[in-house]
């Protein structure tokens, strides 16, 4: 079975449903509050595992209740967590996700004191070297940098995600040069729109795609929400996939669901790139119809979703 090894962000989320997102000095009415597993890196790997890939996750938590819940949530998805270091007395990373009735959101991040101490010396380099594909969202950087080097040396395909904007990456200790260096090694690069805007210095999609064509020798894929996704391959081919119409309940984690599904369909199943993107896009759409950052479908649920949306 294809082994997917991921290294990146992890968290437990507190999902707060409100009647509307408040502006500056505004307020909103809380309709519900739910703890849910989250964290972009773990969301990606959990989704790949949910679709049948053999997955390992590398990341650091504290020995608090949040850290225990993070590890338990991964194990429930069938993800191997045996190589994850635990900081005694540490506080694990958590987020508060505020979502309105239309699925729009903002996120508050509490880094804690465990996640950022995940250093190069704690990374299971053997697991990465034995992988069939290595995924990282580049955080924390010292660990991710060590993982990238191990994957490159072993000839393991690298998939890089960037699920936050450039100022956030800088604030977390990852420079623009670090990002460009990482994507120069990547077989696939998956930037969010805000991340791409920061890298390209332009919010225009075409300008962003032109930037990617120049700086990423592999395939770059940009998700466009309801409009689908667009990819630029190493040969310059452009692949465009239409969106899947859904009524969104919560868009949190849709990009992560796409990335995890792409890992499963492209690397575990060996599907042709266009078909892998089409199915990953459907997984992302399906994930928007339920609450939580880790609400993408398994194989049976995806089949039912595709049947239902094809009939509509």
Protein backbone atom coordinates (compact mmCIF):
# COMPACT_ATOMS: atom_id res chain seq x y z
CA UNK A 1 0.00 0.00 0.00
CA UNK A 2 1.21 3.52 -0.83
CA UNK A 3 2.59 5.28 2.26
CA UNK A 4 1.85 8.98 2.65
CA UNK A 5 3.94 10.80 5.26
CA UNK A 6 2.83 14.26 6.34
CA UNK A 7 4.57 16.89 8.47
CA UNK A 8 2.85 20.12 9.36
CA UNK A 9 0.29 21.97 11.40
CA UNK A 10 -2.02 20.28 13.90
CA UNK A 11 -4.69 21.54 16.25
CA UNK A 12 -7.94 21.02 18.03
CA UNK A 13 -10.61 23.47 16.92
CA UNK A 14 -13.44 25.02 18.84
CA UNK A 15 -16.13 25.69 16.23
CA UNK A 16 -18.40 28.59 17.18
CA UNK A 17 -21.52 29.10 15.06
CA UNK A 18 -22.80 32.67 15.01
CA UNK A 19 -25.68 34.49 13.35
CA UNK A 20 -23.21 36.73 11.48
CA UNK A 21 -19.53 37.64 11.43
CA UNK A 22 -19.06 40.86 13.38
CA UNK A 23 -17.07 43.79 12.11
CA UNK A 24 -14.80 46.01 14.20
CA UNK A 25 -16.42 46.73 17.58
CA UNK A 26 -19.38 44.59 16.54
CA UNK A 27 -20.89 41.55 18.17
CA UNK A 28 -22.65 38.35 17.13
CA UNK A 29 -24.99 35.86 18.74
CA UNK A 30 -23.44 32.43 19.41
CA UNK A 31 -25.81 29.67 18.30
CA UNK A 32 -23.59 26.67 19.09
CA UNK A 33 -20.09 25.73 20.25
CA UNK A 34 -18.46 22.43 19.25
CA UNK A 35 -14.92 21.02 19.79
CA UNK A 36 -13.63 19.37 16.62
CA UNK A 37 -10.22 18.10 15.39
CA UNK A 38 -8.48 20.46 13.00
CA UNK A 39 -5.10 21.78 11.93
CA UNK A 40 -4.34 22.04 8.22
CA UNK A 41 -1.57 19.43 8.12
CA UNK A 42 -3.51 16.83 10.10
CA UNK A 43 -6.68 17.58 8.12
CA UNK A 44 -4.84 16.79 4.87
CA UNK A 45 -3.41 13.51 6.11
CA UNK A 46 -6.67 12.45 7.81
CA UNK A 47 -8.53 12.99 4.52
CA UNK A 48 -5.98 10.92 2.61
CA UNK A 49 -6.37 8.14 5.19
CA UNK A 50 -10.16 8.40 5.01
CA UNK A 51 -9.88 7.63 1.29
CA UNK A 52 -7.75 4.56 1.90
CA UNK A 53 -4.13 5.78 1.86
CA UNK A 54 -1.64 4.37 4.39
CA UNK A 55 -0.66 7.50 6.32
CA UNK A 56 1.83 8.65 8.95
CA UNK A 57 1.83 12.08 10.57
CA UNK A 58 4.80 13.89 12.08
CA UNK A 59 4.22 16.79 14.46
CA UNK A 60 4.64 17.74 18.12
CA UNK A 61 2.03 18.18 20.84
CA UNK A 62 2.01 18.77 24.57
CA UNK A 63 0.88 16.16 27.07
CA UNK A 64 -2.26 18.18 27.80
CA UNK A 65 -5.81 17.10 27.03
CA UNK A 66 -5.66 18.94 23.70
CA UNK A 67 -2.57 17.02 22.63
CA UNK A 68 -4.12 13.72 23.65
CA UNK A 69 -7.24 14.58 21.65
CA UNK A 70 -5.17 15.49 18.58
CA UNK A 71 -3.38 12.14 18.63
CA UNK A 72 -6.60 10.23 19.32
CA UNK A 73 -8.37 11.92 16.41
CA UNK A 74 -5.59 10.88 14.02
CA UNK A 75 -5.56 7.31 15.27
CA UNK A 76 -9.32 7.13 14.79
CA UNK A 77 -8.69 7.90 11.11
CA UNK A 78 -6.10 5.12 10.92
CA UNK A 79 -3.10 7.49 10.83
CA UNK A 80 0.17 6.26 12.37
CA UNK A 81 1.24 8.70 15.12
CA UNK A 82 3.99 6.61 16.73
CA UNK A 83 6.75 9.03 15.68
CA UNK A 84 5.09 12.15 17.11
CA UNK A 85 7.11 13.64 20.02
CA UNK A 86 5.24 14.87 23.09
CA UNK A 87 6.42 17.82 25.22
CA UNK A 88 6.00 17.12 28.96
CA UNK A 89 3.96 19.89 30.54
CA UNK A 90 3.43 21.45 27.11
CA UNK A 91 0.39 23.28 25.76
CA UNK A 92 -0.78 22.06 22.36
CA UNK A 93 -1.85 24.23 19.46
CA UNK A 94 -5.54 25.07 19.22
CA UNK A 95 -7.80 27.28 17.12
CA UNK A 96 -11.14 28.98 17.53
CA UNK A 97 -13.13 28.97 14.29
CA UNK A 98 -16.07 31.37 14.09
CA UNK A 99 -18.56 30.48 11.33
CA UNK A 100 -21.69 32.34 10.20
CA UNK A 101 -24.88 30.91 8.72
CA UNK A 102 -23.48 31.12 5.17
CA UNK A 103 -20.28 29.23 5.92
CA UNK A 104 -17.98 32.28 6.03
CA UNK A 105 -15.46 32.27 8.85
CA UNK A 106 -12.49 33.71 10.69
CA UNK A 107 -9.93 31.77 12.73
CA UNK A 108 -8.09 32.61 15.96
CA UNK A 109 -4.83 30.72 16.45
CA UNK A 110 -3.28 29.79 19.81
CA UNK A 111 0.15 28.31 19.04
CA UNK A 112 0.75 26.99 22.56
CA UNK A 113 4.36 26.09 23.45
CA UNK A 114 4.77 22.58 21.99
CA UNK A 115 4.18 22.79 18.25
CA UNK A 116 6.92 25.31 17.48
CA UNK A 117 9.58 23.33 19.36
CA UNK A 118 9.39 20.44 16.89
CA UNK A 119 12.99 20.49 15.70
CA UNK A 120 14.96 18.82 12.94
CA UNK A 121 16.46 16.32 15.38
CA UNK A 122 13.01 15.00 16.33
CA UNK A 123 11.85 14.28 12.76
CA UNK A 124 11.56 10.61 11.79
CA UNK A 125 13.70 10.91 8.67
CA UNK A 126 13.57 7.16 8.04
CA UNK A 127 9.79 7.28 7.72
CA UNK A 128 10.09 10.08 5.17
CA UNK A 129 12.81 8.27 3.22
CA UNK A 130 10.62 5.15 2.99
CA UNK A 131 7.51 7.08 1.91
CA UNK A 132 5.90 7.04 -1.50
CA UNK A 133 5.05 10.73 -1.16
CA UNK A 134 5.93 13.40 1.42
CA UNK A 135 3.48 16.22 2.21
CA UNK A 136 4.29 19.33 4.23
CA UNK A 137 2.74 22.75 4.78
CA UNK A 138 6.25 23.96 5.82
CA UNK A 139 5.39 24.42 9.50
CA UNK A 140 7.28 24.42 11.77
CA UNK A 141 10.07 25.34 9.39
CA UNK A 142 13.10 23.64 11.00
CA UNK A 143 11.30 20.27 11.03
CA UNK A 144 9.83 20.78 7.57
CA UNK A 145 13.20 21.78 6.14
CA UNK A 146 14.74 18.57 7.49
CA UNK A 147 11.86 16.58 6.03
CA UNK A 148 12.24 18.19 2.62
CA UNK A 149 15.95 17.39 2.56
CA UNK A 150 15.31 13.76 3.53
CA UNK A 151 12.63 13.34 0.88
CA UNK A 152 14.74 14.96 -1.82
CA UNK A 153 17.76 12.82 -0.97
CA UNK A 154 15.64 9.64 -1.07
CA UNK A 155 13.92 10.59 -4.32
CA UNK A 156 10.51 10.75 -2.63
CA UNK A 157 7.97 12.99 -4.44
CA UNK A 158 7.25 16.18 -2.48
CA UNK A 159 3.88 17.90 -2.22
CA UNK A 160 3.89 21.33 -0.57
CA UNK A 161 0.79 23.06 0.74
CA UNK A 162 0.45 26.72 1.76
CA UNK A 163 -2.85 27.19 3.55
CA UNK A 164 -2.18 30.60 5.13
CA UNK A 165 -1.17 33.99 3.78
CA UNK A 166 2.39 35.26 3.45
CA UNK A 167 2.38 37.53 6.55
CA UNK A 168 1.28 34.55 8.66
CA UNK A 169 4.07 32.39 7.22
CA UNK A 170 6.56 35.16 7.99
CA UNK A 171 5.18 35.48 11.51
CA UNK A 172 5.71 31.75 11.99
CA UNK A 173 9.35 31.99 10.92
CA UNK A 174 9.11 30.95 7.27
CA UNK A 175 10.58 33.50 4.83
CA UNK A 176 9.56 34.04 1.23
CA UNK A 177 12.90 32.58 0.15
CA UNK A 178 12.20 29.50 2.28
CA UNK A 179 8.88 29.00 0.51
CA UNK A 180 10.37 29.50 -2.95
CA UNK A 181 13.15 27.07 -2.13
CA UNK A 182 10.60 24.48 -1.00
CA UNK A 183 8.37 24.78 -4.04
CA UNK A 184 11.38 24.52 -6.33
CA UNK A 185 11.72 20.93 -5.03
CA UNK A 186 8.01 20.12 -5.15
CA UNK A 187 6.29 17.84 -7.60
CA UNK A 188 3.03 19.55 -6.61
CA UNK A 189 2.44 22.93 -4.95
CA UNK A 190 -0.97 23.79 -3.47
CA UNK A 191 -1.17 27.47 -2.43
CA UNK A 192 -4.30 29.08 -1.05
CA UNK A 193 -5.43 32.24 -2.88
CA UNK A 194 -4.16 34.59 -0.16
CA UNK A 195 -0.81 32.79 -0.10
CA UNK A 196 -0.51 33.01 -3.88
CA UNK A 197 -1.41 36.71 -3.83
CA UNK A 198 1.38 37.37 -1.35
CA UNK A 199 3.95 35.41 -3.31
CA UNK A 200 3.01 36.93 -6.67
CA UNK A 201 2.47 40.44 -5.30
CA UNK A 202 -0.80 40.59 -7.24
CA UNK A 203 -4.35 39.43 -6.45
CA UNK A 204 -5.08 38.70 -10.12
CA UNK A 205 -5.32 34.95 -10.73
CA UNK A 206 -3.58 35.11 -14.08
CA UNK A 207 -0.66 36.99 -12.55
CA UNK A 208 -0.50 34.35 -9.84
CA UNK A 209 -0.50 31.49 -12.35
CA UNK A 210 2.23 33.21 -14.35
CA UNK A 211 4.30 33.51 -11.16
CA UNK A 212 3.82 29.83 -10.42
CA UNK A 213 4.81 28.84 -13.94
CA UNK A 214 8.09 30.69 -13.41
CA UNK A 215 8.93 29.57 -9.87
CA UNK A 216 7.48 26.07 -9.50
CA UNK A 217 9.00 23.48 -11.86
CA UNK A 218 6.34 20.96 -10.88
CA UNK A 219 2.55 21.22 -11.02
CA UNK A 220 0.80 24.05 -9.20
CA UNK A 221 -2.88 23.75 -8.30
CA UNK A 222 -5.05 26.62 -7.09
CA UNK A 223 -8.50 25.91 -5.67
CA UNK A 224 -11.16 28.48 -6.56
CA UNK A 225 -13.98 27.60 -4.18
CA UNK A 226 -17.30 27.30 -5.98
CA UNK A 227 -15.54 27.88 -9.29
CA UNK A 228 -13.48 24.68 -9.05
CA UNK A 229 -9.73 24.50 -9.48
CA UNK A 230 -7.02 25.31 -11.99
CA UNK A 231 -3.62 23.68 -12.41
CA UNK A 232 -0.49 24.56 -14.37
CA UNK A 233 1.69 21.53 -15.08
CA UNK A 234 5.45 21.23 -15.49
CA UNK A 235 4.97 21.28 -19.27
CA UNK A 236 2.86 24.45 -19.16
CA UNK A 237 -0.45 22.68 -19.73
CA UNK A 238 -3.41 24.27 -17.97
CA UNK A 239 -6.05 22.03 -16.42
CA UNK A 240 -9.33 23.59 -15.36
CA UNK A 241 -11.97 21.73 -13.36
CA UNK A 242 -15.45 23.15 -12.83
CA UNK A 243 -16.94 23.60 -9.38
CA UNK A 244 -19.53 21.27 -7.87
CA UNK A 245 -22.67 23.23 -6.84
CA UNK A 246 -23.44 22.80 -3.13
CA UNK A 247 -25.13 24.81 -0.42
CA UNK A 248 -22.24 25.42 1.99
CA UNK A 249 -22.67 24.93 5.70
CA UNK A 250 -19.00 25.37 6.67
CA UNK A 251 -16.12 25.96 4.22
CA UNK A 252 -13.45 25.42 6.89
CA UNK A 253 -10.92 22.84 5.74
CA UNK A 254 -12.13 22.58 2.13
CA UNK A 255 -8.63 23.25 0.81
CA UNK A 256 -7.24 20.63 3.18
CA UNK A 257 -9.82 18.09 1.98
CA UNK A 258 -8.76 18.83 -1.60
CA UNK A 259 -5.08 18.31 -0.78
CA UNK A 260 -5.68 15.07 1.12
CA UNK A 261 -7.87 13.71 -1.64
CA UNK A 262 -5.27 14.62 -4.25
CA UNK A 263 -2.64 12.66 -2.30
CA UNK A 264 -4.94 9.64 -2.22
CA UNK A 265 -6.15 9.75 -5.81
CA UNK A 266 -2.89 10.79 -7.48
CA UNK A 267 -0.33 8.84 -5.44
CA UNK A 268 -2.21 5.94 -3.81
CA UNK A 269 -4.59 5.26 -6.72
CA UNK A 270 -2.21 6.46 -9.44
CA UNK A 271 -4.94 8.34 -11.30
CA UNK A 272 -4.18 10.68 -14.18
CA UNK A 273 -3.74 14.26 -12.93
CA UNK A 274 -6.93 15.74 -14.40
CA UNK A 275 -9.09 12.97 -12.93
CA UNK A 276 -7.34 13.23 -9.55
CA UNK A 277 -8.05 16.98 -9.50
CA UNK A 278 -11.68 16.44 -10.52
CA UNK A 279 -12.27 13.97 -7.70
CA UNK A 280 -10.34 16.06 -5.17
CA UNK A 281 -12.50 19.02 -6.10
CA UNK A 282 -15.62 16.93 -5.45
CA UNK A 283 -14.24 15.89 -2.04
CA UNK A 284 -13.65 19.57 -1.17
CA UNK A 285 -17.20 20.47 -2.22
CA UNK A 286 -18.66 17.62 -0.18
CA UNK A 287 -16.67 18.74 2.86
CA UNK A 288 -18.47 22.12 2.75
CA UNK A 289 -21.83 20.47 3.39
CA UNK A 290 -20.96 19.49 6.98
CA UNK A 291 -19.52 21.28 10.00
CA UNK A 292 -15.86 21.07 10.89
CA UNK A 293 -12.47 21.21 9.24
CA UNK A 294 -12.31 17.44 8.89
CA UNK A 295 -15.66 16.64 7.30
CA UNK A 296 -14.64 15.27 3.90
CA UNK A 297 -16.18 12.01 2.67
CA UNK A 298 -14.83 8.49 2.61
CA UNK A 299 -15.05 6.44 -0.62
CA UNK A 300 -18.67 5.36 -0.17
CA UNK A 301 -19.79 8.85 0.84
CA UNK A 302 -17.99 10.36 -2.13
CA UNK A 303 -19.69 7.94 -4.51
CA UNK A 304 -23.10 8.86 -3.08
CA UNK A 305 -22.26 12.58 -3.28
CA UNK A 306 -21.17 12.31 -6.92
CA UNK A 307 -24.32 10.38 -7.81
CA UNK A 308 -26.52 12.97 -6.12
CA UNK A 309 -24.81 15.98 -7.67
CA UNK A 310 -24.80 14.39 -11.14
CA UNK A 311 -28.58 13.90 -10.96
CA UNK A 312 -29.23 17.50 -9.91
